[in-house]
């Protein structure tokens, strides 16, 4: 089973992304169609139902230059979003 635990590193990657409108999303395994891992990609390429958090929403919550502690405090909210997506996947 894959580990879908959101880390500060995931949020830093999202904040540091140079892509247009980046999002943290659950990537699907091309072979199985099931979720494979967390990743950062442009919102226009990630299916909306797989999006965990958008960079602009993250910035609205923690600011444009957050500290590690700020990001760590936000982790439970992002993890809840991941868990909800995984629950929806399991019940489908």
C-alpha atoms as a PDB file:
ATOM      1  CA  UNK A   1       0.000   0.000   0.000  1.00  0.00           C
ATOM      2  CA  UNK A   2       1.236   3.485  -0.822  1.00  0.00           C
ATOM      3  CA  UNK A   3       1.977   6.124   1.775  1.00  0.00           C
ATOM      4  CA  UNK A   4      -0.188   9.169   1.231  1.00  0.00           C
ATOM      5  CA  UNK A   5       1.090  11.142   4.206  1.00  0.00           C
ATOM      6  CA  UNK A   6       1.436  14.819   3.364  1.00  0.00           C
ATOM      7  CA  UNK A   7       4.727  16.336   4.517  1.00  0.00           C
ATOM      8  CA  UNK A   8       6.132  19.828   4.797  1.00  0.00           C
ATOM      9  CA  UNK A   9       8.290  18.908   1.807  1.00  0.00           C
ATOM     10  CA  UNK A  10       5.154  18.459  -0.335  1.00  0.00           C
ATOM     11  CA  UNK A  11       3.958  21.933   0.646  1.00  0.00           C
ATOM     12  CA  UNK A  12       7.387  23.456  -0.009  1.00  0.00           C
ATOM     13  CA  UNK A  13       7.409  21.832  -3.444  1.00  0.00           C
ATOM     14  CA  UNK A  14       3.984  23.312  -4.159  1.00  0.00           C
ATOM     15  CA  UNK A  15       5.055  26.778  -3.000  1.00  0.00           C
ATOM     16  CA  UNK A  16       8.276  26.588  -5.018  1.00  0.00           C
ATOM     17  CA  UNK A  17       6.704  25.353  -8.225  1.00  0.00           C
ATOM     18  CA  UNK A  18       7.316  27.575 -11.227  1.00  0.00           C
ATOM     19  CA  UNK A  19       4.392  26.137 -13.178  1.00  0.00           C
ATOM     20  CA  UNK A  20       1.203  28.016 -13.894  1.00  0.00           C
ATOM     21  CA  UNK A  21      -1.389  27.526 -11.138  1.00  0.00           C
ATOM     22  CA  UNK A  22       0.270  24.509  -9.485  1.00  0.00           C
ATOM     23  CA  UNK A  23      -1.641  22.078  -7.308  1.00  0.00           C
ATOM     24  CA  UNK A  24      -0.788  19.242  -4.963  1.00  0.00           C
ATOM     25  CA  UNK A  25      -2.738  16.265  -6.239  1.00  0.00           C
ATOM     26  CA  UNK A  26      -3.011  12.511  -6.037  1.00  0.00           C
ATOM     27  CA  UNK A  27      -1.404  11.009  -9.136  1.00  0.00           C
ATOM     28  CA  UNK A  28      -3.076   7.979 -10.622  1.00  0.00           C
ATOM     29  CA  UNK A  29      -1.063   4.908 -11.586  1.00  0.00           C
ATOM     30  CA  UNK A  30      -1.352   4.558 -15.355  1.00  0.00           C
ATOM     31  CA  UNK A  31      -1.546   0.784 -15.129  1.00  0.00           C
ATOM     32  CA  UNK A  32      -4.203   0.417 -12.455  1.00  0.00           C
ATOM     33  CA  UNK A  33      -5.972   3.783 -12.472  1.00  0.00           C
ATOM     34  CA  UNK A  34      -5.696   3.877  -8.680  1.00  0.00           C
ATOM     35  CA  UNK A  35      -3.889   6.568  -6.743  1.00  0.00           C
ATOM     36  CA  UNK A  36      -0.137   6.025  -6.774  1.00  0.00           C
ATOM     37  CA  UNK A  37       1.501   9.013  -5.077  1.00  0.00           C
ATOM     38  CA  UNK A  38       1.276  12.702  -4.235  1.00  0.00           C
ATOM     39  CA  UNK A  39       2.663  15.160  -6.772  1.00  0.00           C
ATOM     40  CA  UNK A  40       2.719  18.771  -7.910  1.00  0.00           C
ATOM     41  CA  UNK A  41       1.554  19.728 -11.376  1.00  0.00           C
ATOM     42  CA  UNK A  42      -0.256  22.491 -13.234  1.00  0.00           C
ATOM     43  CA  UNK A  43      -3.931  22.693 -12.315  1.00  0.00           C
ATOM     44  CA  UNK A  44      -4.945  22.508 -15.975  1.00  0.00           C
ATOM     45  CA  UNK A  45      -3.384  19.025 -16.261  1.00  0.00           C
ATOM     46  CA  UNK A  46      -4.562  17.516 -12.974  1.00  0.00           C
ATOM     47  CA  UNK A  47      -8.117  16.186 -12.855  1.00  0.00           C
ATOM     48  CA  UNK A  48     -10.097  18.443 -10.537  1.00  0.00           C
ATOM     49  CA  UNK A  49     -11.306  15.509  -8.417  1.00  0.00           C
ATOM     50  CA  UNK A  50      -7.677  14.516  -7.675  1.00  0.00           C
ATOM     51  CA  UNK A  51      -6.591  17.973  -6.430  1.00  0.00           C
ATOM     52  CA  UNK A  52      -5.692  18.152  -2.746  1.00  0.00           C
ATOM     53  CA  UNK A  53      -4.779  21.850  -2.476  1.00  0.00           C
ATOM     54  CA  UNK A  54      -4.036  24.696  -4.875  1.00  0.00           C
ATOM     55  CA  UNK A  55      -0.996  26.917  -4.320  1.00  0.00           C
ATOM     56  CA  UNK A  56      -3.091  30.077  -4.103  1.00  0.00           C
ATOM     57  CA  UNK A  57      -5.255  28.464  -1.379  1.00  0.00           C
ATOM     58  CA  UNK A  58      -2.127  27.413   0.505  1.00  0.00           C
ATOM     59  CA  UNK A  59      -0.764  30.968   0.293  1.00  0.00           C
ATOM     60  CA  UNK A  60      -4.123  32.347   1.480  1.00  0.00           C
ATOM     61  CA  UNK A  61      -3.862  30.097   4.544  1.00  0.00           C
ATOM     62  CA  UNK A  62      -0.174  30.361   5.491  1.00  0.00           C
ATOM     63  CA  UNK A  63       1.108  33.444   3.671  1.00  0.00           C
ATOM     64  CA  UNK A  64       3.493  33.808   0.746  1.00  0.00           C
ATOM     65  CA  UNK A  65       6.638  33.239   2.792  1.00  0.00           C
ATOM     66  CA  UNK A  66       5.650  30.814   5.573  1.00  0.00           C
ATOM     67  CA  UNK A  67       8.001  29.237   8.034  1.00  0.00           C
ATOM     68  CA  UNK A  68       8.315  25.503   8.545  1.00  0.00           C
ATOM     69  CA  UNK A  69       6.145  25.765  11.673  1.00  0.00           C
ATOM     70  CA  UNK A  70       3.387  27.517   9.705  1.00  0.00           C
ATOM     71  CA  UNK A  71       3.404  24.738   7.136  1.00  0.00           C
ATOM     72  CA  UNK A  72       3.473  22.057   9.825  1.00  0.00           C
ATOM     73  CA  UNK A  73       0.379  23.593  11.445  1.00  0.00           C
ATOM     74  CA  UNK A  74      -1.443  23.437   8.094  1.00  0.00           C
ATOM     75  CA  UNK A  75      -0.572  19.767   7.452  1.00  0.00           C
ATOM     76  CA  UNK A  76      -3.616  18.288   9.243  1.00  0.00           C
ATOM     77  CA  UNK A  77      -5.994  20.241   6.999  1.00  0.00           C
ATOM     78  CA  UNK A  78      -4.229  19.049   3.846  1.00  0.00           C
ATOM     79  CA  UNK A  79      -4.052  15.494   5.186  1.00  0.00           C
ATOM     80  CA  UNK A  80      -7.834  15.548   5.763  1.00  0.00           C
ATOM     81  CA  UNK A  81      -8.307  16.449   2.098  1.00  0.00           C
ATOM     82  CA  UNK A  82      -6.102  13.514   1.052  1.00  0.00           C
ATOM     83  CA  UNK A  83      -7.953  11.144   3.357  1.00  0.00           C
ATOM     84  CA  UNK A  84     -11.316  12.243   1.935  1.00  0.00           C
ATOM     85  CA  UNK A  85     -10.108  11.616  -1.617  1.00  0.00           C
ATOM     86  CA  UNK A  86      -8.851   8.169  -0.626  1.00  0.00           C
ATOM     87  CA  UNK A  87     -12.156   7.325   1.092  1.00  0.00           C
ATOM     88  CA  UNK A  88     -14.072   8.368  -2.018  1.00  0.00           C
ATOM     89  CA  UNK A  89     -11.773   6.196  -4.139  1.00  0.00           C
ATOM     90  CA  UNK A  90     -12.347   3.170  -1.895  1.00  0.00           C
ATOM     91  CA  UNK A  91     -16.117   3.557  -1.902  1.00  0.00           C
ATOM     92  CA  UNK A  92     -16.368   3.974  -5.684  1.00  0.00           C
END
